[in-house]
Amino acid sequence: MCTVVIRVPEPGAGPIRMLAVRDEDPGRPWRPLGSWWPDHPGVQGVMDELAGGAWLAADDERLAVLLNRAGGAEGPVFTSRGTLVLDSVAGRPLPDPLTTLGFNLVEVSADGARVTSWHGGAPQVVDLAPGTHMIAHDDVDDPSTARIAAWLDAFAAAPTDDPHHNGEGNWWDEWLAVLARTTSVGPLDDRAIIRDNRVHGYPTLSLLVSVASVGVGGVEVAMRTLAEPGQWNEAVPARHR
């Protein structure tokens, strides 16, 4: 039950900004942002060690991140959803037929951002209009998703311009401040972004926070692991690209 916040500017008005929170079973092994795939030179990502795919991956031109949703292939599942992230960064189309569980695949380049959603039937693609959007386990900006209804306006109101504090600060500071405020509801509340999903019937908790900027100047990604799954801490993301 991951969460993505993304801001798409008007054409020519600057880079796309993104904040992503990964929820996963803390007992499932994974690797932080790094170059883990010899078959994908130049790609860095967060690796799922069991299946070998990525939750998030990026090269110098594009970025992709995947959120789980219900539905998808019926019967045996042959393909990890993490392969879709690596394929996206490599510029490959979705497999046909799809043999994964349901997903929301967020793809970002200097040309724009789109979300491909699949929970059975034909995949649906939404090109994101200029503005601030949130995606979780349902549709883009879905008002029936409690965390979107609770916090989308707060993220939309927070600036993500380049800082002008004598070189201090980061563009993501105000968004992280909003994220910190969201923790006031506690990790068990359905409005939470930093979450403990076990109360909702899933063995997953929030494990890490990543921020990314994608524009004509390239792709910049920073991330940090939460000190304790499902609990907020104030450490600043470390830049990796």
C-alpha atoms as a PDB file:
ATOM      1  CA  MET A   1       0.000   0.000   0.000  1.00  0.00           C
ATOM      2  CA  CYS A   2       2.696   2.434  -1.090  1.00  0.00           C
ATOM      3  CA  THR A   3       2.072   6.128  -1.685  1.00  0.00           C
ATOM      4  CA  VAL A   4       3.336   8.507  -4.382  1.00  0.00           C
ATOM      5  CA  VAL A   5       2.953  12.290  -4.498  1.00  0.00           C
ATOM      6  CA  ILE A   6       3.904  13.882  -7.805  1.00  0.00           C
ATOM      7  CA  ARG A   7       3.918  17.454  -9.076  1.00  0.00           C
ATOM      8  CA  VAL A   8       3.808  18.097 -12.815  1.00  0.00           C
ATOM      9  CA  PRO A   9       4.639  21.683 -13.803  1.00  0.00           C
ATOM     10  CA  GLU A  10       3.310  23.589 -16.756  1.00  0.00           C
ATOM     11  CA  PRO A  11       5.375  22.818 -19.887  1.00  0.00           C
ATOM     12  CA  GLY A  12       8.790  24.446 -19.649  1.00  0.00           C
ATOM     13  CA  ALA A  13       8.283  25.543 -16.043  1.00  0.00           C
ATOM     14  CA  GLY A  14      10.801  23.216 -14.394  1.00  0.00           C
ATOM     15  CA  PRO A  15      11.285  19.603 -13.370  1.00  0.00           C
ATOM     16  CA  ILE A  16       8.694  17.106 -12.213  1.00  0.00           C
ATOM     17  CA  ARG A  17       8.936  16.456  -8.463  1.00  0.00           C
ATOM     18  CA  MET A  18       8.035  13.188  -6.762  1.00  0.00           C
ATOM     19  CA  LEU A  19       7.862  11.797  -3.241  1.00  0.00           C
ATOM     20  CA  ALA A  20       7.372   8.045  -2.795  1.00  0.00           C
ATOM     21  CA  VAL A  21       6.887   5.955   0.346  1.00  0.00           C
ATOM     22  CA  ARG A  22       7.505   2.230   0.063  1.00  0.00           C
ATOM     23  CA  ASP A  23       5.435  -0.240   2.105  1.00  0.00           C
ATOM     24  CA  GLU A  24       6.663  -3.826   2.249  1.00  0.00           C
ATOM     25  CA  ASP A  25       6.935  -6.810   4.582  1.00  0.00           C
ATOM     26  CA  PRO A  26       9.970  -5.966   6.769  1.00  0.00           C
ATOM     27  CA  GLY A  27      11.011  -9.616   6.599  1.00  0.00           C
ATOM     28  CA  ARG A  28      11.301  -9.576   2.785  1.00  0.00           C
ATOM     29  CA  PRO A  29      14.944  -8.887   1.830  1.00  0.00           C
ATOM     30  CA  TRP A  30      15.707  -5.844  -0.282  1.00  0.00           C
ATOM     31  CA  ARG A  31      18.573  -3.556  -1.243  1.00  0.00           C
ATOM     32  CA  PRO A  32      18.599   0.259  -1.115  1.00  0.00           C
ATOM     33  CA  LEU A  33      19.077   2.475  -4.135  1.00  0.00           C
ATOM     34  CA  GLY A  34      22.055   1.185  -6.090  1.00  0.00           C
ATOM     35  CA  SER A  35      23.321  -0.378  -9.314  1.00  0.00           C
ATOM     36  CA  TRP A  36      22.173  -3.976  -8.821  1.00  0.00           C
ATOM     37  CA  TRP A  37      21.396  -5.135 -12.378  1.00  0.00           C
ATOM     38  CA  PRO A  38      24.340  -5.954 -14.688  1.00  0.00           C
ATOM     39  CA  ASP A  39      21.888  -6.302 -17.584  1.00  0.00           C
ATOM     40  CA  HIS A  40      20.782  -2.689 -16.997  1.00  0.00           C
ATOM     41  CA  PRO A  41      23.948  -0.552 -16.962  1.00  0.00           C
ATOM     42  CA  GLY A  42      23.360   2.983 -15.800  1.00  0.00           C
ATOM     43  CA  VAL A  43      20.228   2.035 -13.850  1.00  0.00           C
ATOM     44  CA  GLN A  44      19.972   2.530 -10.101  1.00  0.00           C
ATOM     45  CA  GLY A  45      17.051   1.300  -8.072  1.00  0.00           C
ATOM     46  CA  VAL A  46      15.604  -0.250  -4.942  1.00  0.00           C
ATOM     47  CA  MET A  47      15.898  -4.001  -5.450  1.00  0.00           C
ATOM     48  CA  ASP A  48      13.625  -6.791  -4.247  1.00  0.00           C
ATOM     49  CA  GLU A  49      16.128  -9.564  -3.542  1.00  0.00           C
ATOM     50  CA  LEU A  50      13.591 -12.395  -3.715  1.00  0.00           C
ATOM     51  CA  ALA A  51      12.247 -11.675  -7.203  1.00  0.00           C
ATOM     52  CA  GLY A  52      15.156  -9.622  -8.510  1.00  0.00           C
ATOM     53  CA  GLY A  53      13.067  -6.713  -9.765  1.00  0.00           C
ATOM     54  CA  ALA A  54      12.780  -3.115  -8.601  1.00  0.00           C
ATOM     55  CA  TRP A  55      10.301  -1.071  -6.615  1.00  0.00           C
ATOM     56  CA  LEU A  56      11.801   2.135  -8.015  1.00  0.00           C
ATOM     57  CA  ALA A  57      14.458   2.515 -10.704  1.00  0.00           C
ATOM     58  CA  ALA A  58      15.965   5.364 -12.704  1.00  0.00           C
ATOM     59  CA  ASP A  59      18.600   6.144 -15.293  1.00  0.00           C
ATOM     60  CA  ASP A  60      19.748   9.553 -16.552  1.00  0.00           C
ATOM     61  CA  GLU A  61      16.523  10.219 -18.453  1.00  0.00           C
ATOM     62  CA  ARG A  62      13.588   8.484 -16.801  1.00  0.00           C
ATOM     63  CA  LEU A  63      12.240   7.035 -13.601  1.00  0.00           C
ATOM     64  CA  ALA A  64       9.613   4.430 -12.747  1.00  0.00           C
ATOM     65  CA  VAL A  65       8.045   3.295  -9.483  1.00  0.00           C
ATOM     66  CA  LEU A  66       5.423   0.636  -8.858  1.00  0.00           C
ATOM     67  CA  LEU A  67       2.523   0.506  -6.409  1.00  0.00           C
ATOM     68  CA  ASN A  68       0.545  -2.667  -5.786  1.00  0.00           C
ATOM     69  CA  ARG A  69      -3.225  -2.811  -6.222  1.00  0.00           C
ATOM     70  CA  ALA A  70      -5.819  -5.554  -6.078  1.00  0.00           C
ATOM     71  CA  GLY A  71      -6.686  -7.758  -9.030  1.00  0.00           C
ATOM     72  CA  GLY A  72      -4.502  -8.772 -11.923  1.00  0.00           C
ATOM     73  CA  ALA A  73      -3.743 -12.127 -13.444  1.00  0.00           C
ATOM     74  CA  GLU A  74      -6.050 -15.004 -12.607  1.00  0.00           C
ATOM     75  CA  GLY A  75      -4.492 -18.369 -11.829  1.00  0.00           C
ATOM     76  CA  PRO A  76      -0.730 -18.802 -11.478  1.00  0.00           C
ATOM     77  CA  VAL A  77       1.288 -15.573 -11.461  1.00  0.00           C
ATOM     78  CA  PHE A  78       4.405 -16.043 -13.554  1.00  0.00           C
ATOM     79  CA  THR A  79       5.983 -12.598 -13.466  1.00  0.00           C
ATOM     80  CA  SER A  80       7.116 -10.307 -10.658  1.00  0.00           C
ATOM     81  CA  ARG A  81       5.724  -6.790 -10.864  1.00  0.00           C
ATOM     82  CA  GLY A  82       9.252  -5.516 -10.256  1.00  0.00           C
ATOM     83  CA  THR A  83      10.248  -6.490 -13.794  1.00  0.00           C
ATOM     84  CA  LEU A  84       7.825  -3.854 -15.095  1.00  0.00           C
ATOM     85  CA  VAL A  85       9.862  -1.090 -13.455  1.00  0.00           C
ATOM     86  CA  LEU A  86      13.105  -2.175 -15.095  1.00  0.00           C
ATOM     87  CA  ASP A  87      11.365  -2.634 -18.448  1.00  0.00           C
ATOM     88  CA  SER A  88       9.927   0.868 -18.190  1.00  0.00           C
ATOM     89  CA  VAL A  89      13.298   2.487 -17.574  1.00  0.00           C
ATOM     90  CA  ALA A  90      14.683   0.488 -20.497  1.00  0.00           C
ATOM     91  CA  GLY A  91      11.910   1.867 -22.737  1.00  0.00           C
ATOM     92  CA  ARG A  92      10.173  -1.474 -23.233  1.00  0.00           C
ATOM     93  CA  PRO A  93       6.371  -1.700 -23.541  1.00  0.00           C
ATOM     94  CA  LEU A  94       4.211  -3.641 -21.117  1.00  0.00           C
ATOM     95  CA  PRO A  95       4.131  -7.383 -21.760  1.00  0.00           C
ATOM     96  CA  ASP A  96       1.066  -8.681 -23.576  1.00  0.00           C
ATOM     97  CA  PRO A  97      -0.491 -10.590 -21.971  1.00  0.00           C
ATOM     98  CA  LEU A  98       0.244  -9.360 -18.468  1.00  0.00           C
ATOM     99  CA  THR A  99       0.977 -12.152 -15.990  1.00  0.00           C
ATOM    100  CA  THR A 100       1.381 -10.177 -12.767  1.00  0.00           C
ATOM    101  CA  LEU A 101      -0.860  -9.107  -9.934  1.00  0.00           C
ATOM    102  CA  GLY A 102      -2.489  -5.669 -10.161  1.00  0.00           C
ATOM    103  CA  PHE A 103      -0.406  -2.499 -10.168  1.00  0.00           C
ATOM    104  CA  ASN A 104      -0.115   1.229 -10.668  1.00  0.00           C
ATOM    105  CA  LEU A 105       3.069   1.963 -12.620  1.00  0.00           C
ATOM    106  CA  VAL A 106       4.241   5.580 -12.390  1.00  0.00           C
ATOM    107  CA  GLU A 107       6.567   6.620 -15.234  1.00  0.00           C
ATOM    108  CA  VAL A 108       8.347   9.973 -15.337  1.00  0.00           C
ATOM    109  CA  SER A 109      10.593  11.678 -17.883  1.00  0.00           C
ATOM    110  CA  ALA A 110      11.332  15.261 -18.859  1.00  0.00           C
ATOM    111  CA  ASP A 111       8.395  15.014 -21.282  1.00  0.00           C
ATOM    112  CA  GLY A 112       5.829  14.324 -18.550  1.00  0.00           C
ATOM    113  CA  ALA A 113       4.396  11.702 -16.216  1.00  0.00           C
ATOM    114  CA  ARG A 114       1.842   8.965 -16.637  1.00  0.00           C
ATOM    115  CA  VAL A 115       0.276   6.206 -14.580  1.00  0.00           C
ATOM    116  CA  THR A 116      -0.550   2.828 -16.060  1.00  0.00           C
ATOM    117  CA  SER A 117      -3.095   0.947 -13.936  1.00  0.00           C
ATOM    118  CA  TRP A 118      -3.984  -2.698 -14.264  1.00  0.00           C
ATOM    119  CA  HIS A 119      -6.267  -4.907 -12.211  1.00  0.00           C
ATOM    120  CA  GLY A 120      -7.471  -7.201 -15.007  1.00  0.00           C
ATOM    121  CA  GLY A 121      -8.806  -6.524 -18.477  1.00  0.00           C
ATOM    122  CA  ALA A 122      -7.082  -3.805 -20.500  1.00  0.00           C
ATOM    123  CA  PRO A 123      -4.485  -1.567 -18.806  1.00  0.00           C
ATOM    124  CA  GLN A 124      -5.581   2.030 -18.323  1.00  0.00           C
ATOM    125  CA  VAL A 125      -3.131   4.870 -18.925  1.00  0.00           C
ATOM    126  CA  VAL A 126      -3.531   8.344 -17.408  1.00  0.00           C
ATOM    127  CA  ASP A 127      -1.263  11.181 -18.553  1.00  0.00           C
ATOM    128  CA  LEU A 128      -0.920  13.452 -15.550  1.00  0.00           C
ATOM    129  CA  ALA A 129      -2.011  17.035 -16.133  1.00  0.00           C
ATOM    130  CA  PRO A 130      -0.058  19.917 -14.598  1.00  0.00           C
ATOM    131  CA  GLY A 131      -0.687  20.025 -10.872  1.00  0.00           C
ATOM    132  CA  THR A 132      -0.129  17.896  -7.785  1.00  0.00           C
ATOM    133  CA  HIS A 133      -1.386  14.311  -7.713  1.00  0.00           C
ATOM    134  CA  MET A 134      -1.431  11.367  -5.315  1.00  0.00           C
ATOM    135  CA  ILE A 135      -1.474   7.667  -6.133  1.00  0.00           C
ATOM    136  CA  ALA A 136      -1.880   4.722  -3.763  1.00  0.00           C
ATOM    137  CA  HIS A 137      -3.652   1.383  -4.282  1.00  0.00           C
ATOM    138  CA  ASP A 138      -6.572   2.711  -6.356  1.00  0.00           C
ATOM    139  CA  ASP A 139      -6.945   5.359  -9.067  1.00  0.00           C
ATOM    140  CA  VAL A 140      -5.004   8.616  -9.393  1.00  0.00           C
ATOM    141  CA  ASP A 141      -6.328  11.262  -6.971  1.00  0.00           C
ATOM    142  CA  ASP A 142      -9.024   8.824  -5.856  1.00  0.00           C
ATOM    143  CA  PRO A 143     -11.100  10.666  -3.217  1.00  0.00           C
ATOM    144  CA  SER A 144     -12.240   7.347  -1.734  1.00  0.00           C
ATOM    145  CA  THR A 145      -8.653   6.621  -0.664  1.00  0.00           C
ATOM    146  CA  ALA A 146      -8.475   8.040   2.855  1.00  0.00           C
ATOM    147  CA  ARG A 147      -4.877   9.307   2.721  1.00  0.00           C
ATOM    148  CA  ILE A 148      -5.514  11.088  -0.582  1.00  0.00           C
ATOM    149  CA  ALA A 149      -8.659  12.752   0.726  1.00  0.00           C
ATOM    150  CA  ALA A 150      -6.834  13.802   3.886  1.00  0.00           C
ATOM    151  CA  TRP A 151      -3.518  15.117   2.514  1.00  0.00           C
ATOM    152  CA  LEU A 152      -3.609  15.927  -1.198  1.00  0.00           C
ATOM    153  CA  ASP A 153      -4.495  19.574  -0.596  1.00  0.00           C
ATOM    154  CA  ALA A 154      -1.653  19.953   1.923  1.00  0.00           C
ATOM    155  CA  PHE A 155       0.911  18.622  -0.539  1.00  0.00           C
ATOM    156  CA  ALA A 156      -0.557  20.791  -3.297  1.00  0.00           C
ATOM    157  CA  ALA A 157      -0.104  23.885  -1.122  1.00  0.00           C
ATOM    158  CA  ALA A 158       3.535  23.130  -0.221  1.00  0.00           C
ATOM    159  CA  PRO A 159       6.203  24.604  -2.535  1.00  0.00           C
ATOM    160  CA  THR A 160       8.823  22.437  -4.242  1.00  0.00           C
ATOM    161  CA  ASP A 161      10.872  25.199  -5.848  1.00  0.00           C
ATOM    162  CA  ASP A 162      14.642  25.163  -5.693  1.00  0.00           C
ATOM    163  CA  PRO A 163      15.683  26.624  -2.313  1.00  0.00           C
ATOM    164  CA  HIS A 164      17.018  30.160  -2.096  1.00  0.00           C
ATOM    165  CA  HIS A 165      18.432  30.074   1.413  1.00  0.00           C
ATOM    166  CA  ASN A 166      22.071  30.942   0.671  1.00  0.00           C
ATOM    167  CA  GLY A 167      22.432  27.506  -0.841  1.00  0.00           C
ATOM    168  CA  GLU A 168      20.904  25.741   2.147  1.00  0.00           C
ATOM    169  CA  GLY A 169      17.938  23.418   2.126  1.00  0.00           C
ATOM    170  CA  ASN A 170      16.467  21.063  -0.443  1.00  0.00           C
ATOM    171  CA  TRP A 171      13.499  21.333  -2.780  1.00  0.00           C
ATOM    172  CA  TRP A 172      11.779  18.522  -0.889  1.00  0.00           C
ATOM    173  CA  ASP A 173      11.924  20.138   2.569  1.00  0.00           C
ATOM    174  CA  GLU A 174       8.334  21.417   2.552  1.00  0.00           C
ATOM    175  CA  TRP A 175       6.954  18.112   1.306  1.00  0.00           C
ATOM    176  CA  LEU A 176       8.803  16.252   4.058  1.00  0.00           C
ATOM    177  CA  ALA A 177       7.328  18.725   6.530  1.00  0.00           C
ATOM    178  CA  VAL A 178       3.856  17.802   5.265  1.00  0.00           C
ATOM    179  CA  LEU A 179       4.755  14.122   5.486  1.00  0.00           C
ATOM    180  CA  ALA A 180       5.836  14.622   9.080  1.00  0.00           C
ATOM    181  CA  ARG A 181       2.495  16.288   9.865  1.00  0.00           C
ATOM    182  CA  THR A 182       0.594  13.341   8.419  1.00  0.00           C
ATOM    183  CA  THR A 183       2.041  11.119  11.149  1.00  0.00           C
ATOM    184  CA  SER A 184      -0.151  12.883  13.711  1.00  0.00           C
ATOM    185  CA  VAL A 185      -2.902  10.345  12.914  1.00  0.00           C
ATOM    186  CA  GLY A 186      -0.665   7.389  13.816  1.00  0.00           C
ATOM    187  CA  PRO A 187       0.461   4.508  11.573  1.00  0.00           C
ATOM    188  CA  LEU A 188      -2.717   2.440  12.089  1.00  0.00           C
ATOM    189  CA  ASP A 189      -5.099   5.109  10.787  1.00  0.00           C
ATOM    190  CA  ASP A 190      -6.256   4.607   7.187  1.00  0.00           C
ATOM    191  CA  ARG A 191      -5.300   8.254   6.525  1.00  0.00           C
ATOM    192  CA  ALA A 192      -1.660   7.485   7.351  1.00  0.00           C
ATOM    193  CA  ILE A 193       1.108   7.652   4.743  1.00  0.00           C
ATOM    194  CA  ILE A 194       3.796   6.307   7.065  1.00  0.00           C
ATOM    195  CA  ARG A 195       1.816   3.157   7.762  1.00  0.00           C
ATOM    196  CA  ASP A 196       1.455  -0.121   9.612  1.00  0.00           C
ATOM    197  CA  ASN A 197      -0.838  -2.049   7.301  1.00  0.00           C
ATOM    198  CA  ARG A 198      -1.176  -5.109   9.506  1.00  0.00           C
ATOM    199  CA  VAL A 199      -4.356  -3.699  11.023  1.00  0.00           C
ATOM    200  CA  HIS A 200      -5.793  -3.643   7.474  1.00  0.00           C
ATOM    201  CA  GLY A 201      -4.911  -7.271   6.838  1.00  0.00           C
ATOM    202  CA  TYR A 202      -1.540  -6.858   5.075  1.00  0.00           C
ATOM    203  CA  PRO A 203       1.908  -7.776   6.528  1.00  0.00           C
ATOM    204  CA  THR A 204       3.494  -4.541   5.297  1.00  0.00           C
ATOM    205  CA  LEU A 205       4.830  -1.385   6.925  1.00  0.00           C
ATOM    206  CA  SER A 206       6.414   1.763   5.523  1.00  0.00           C
ATOM    207  CA  LEU A 207      10.146   1.122   5.097  1.00  0.00           C
ATOM    208  CA  LEU A 208      11.639   4.043   3.196  1.00  0.00           C
ATOM    209  CA  VAL A 209      11.044   7.498   1.751  1.00  0.00           C
ATOM    210  CA  SER A 210      12.372   8.529  -1.660  1.00  0.00           C
ATOM    211  CA  VAL A 211      12.288  11.881  -3.433  1.00  0.00           C
ATOM    212  CA  ALA A 212      13.054  12.501  -7.086  1.00  0.00           C
ATOM    213  CA  SER A 213      13.347  15.356  -9.547  1.00  0.00           C
ATOM    214  CA  VAL A 214      13.082  14.654 -13.286  1.00  0.00           C
ATOM    215  CA  GLY A 215      13.666  17.290 -15.939  1.00  0.00           C
ATOM    216  CA  VAL A 216      15.773  18.363 -18.899  1.00  0.00           C
ATOM    217  CA  GLY A 217      18.818  18.374 -16.634  1.00  0.00           C
ATOM    218  CA  GLY A 218      18.416  14.686 -15.851  1.00  0.00           C
ATOM    219  CA  VAL A 219      17.156  12.600 -12.948  1.00  0.00           C
ATOM    220  CA  GLU A 220      18.037  13.190  -9.298  1.00  0.00           C
ATOM    221  CA  VAL A 221      16.953  10.657  -6.667  1.00  0.00           C
ATOM    222  CA  ALA A 222      17.461  10.678  -2.911  1.00  0.00           C
ATOM    223  CA  MET A 223      16.202   8.200  -0.321  1.00  0.00           C
ATOM    224  CA  ARG A 224      16.410   7.173   3.277  1.00  0.00           C
ATOM    225  CA  THR A 225      15.338   4.127   5.221  1.00  0.00           C
ATOM    226  CA  LEU A 226      13.081   4.625   8.218  1.00  0.00           C
ATOM    227  CA  ALA A 227      14.901   3.758  11.430  1.00  0.00           C
ATOM    228  CA  GLU A 228      11.927   1.628  12.477  1.00  0.00           C
ATOM    229  CA  PRO A 229       9.356   0.268  10.003  1.00  0.00           C
ATOM    230  CA  GLY A 230       6.093   2.196  10.154  1.00  0.00           C
ATOM    231  CA  GLN A 231       7.563   4.982  12.309  1.00  0.00           C
ATOM    232  CA  TRP A 232       8.613   8.451  11.166  1.00  0.00           C
ATOM    233  CA  ASN A 233      12.080   9.809  11.820  1.00  0.00           C
ATOM    234  CA  GLU A 234      13.633  13.077  10.745  1.00  0.00           C
ATOM    235  CA  ALA A 235      16.734  11.916   8.847  1.00  0.00           C
ATOM    236  CA  VAL A 236      17.351  13.780   5.577  1.00  0.00           C
ATOM    237  CA  PRO A 237      17.337  11.713   2.356  1.00  0.00           C
ATOM    238  CA  ALA A 238      20.789  11.089   0.905  1.00  0.00           C
ATOM    239  CA  ARG A 239      21.364  11.919  -2.746  1.00  0.00           C
ATOM    240  CA  HIS A 240      22.249   8.964  -4.965  1.00  0.00           C
ATOM    241  CA  ARG A 241      22.071  10.381  -8.516  1.00  0.00           C
END
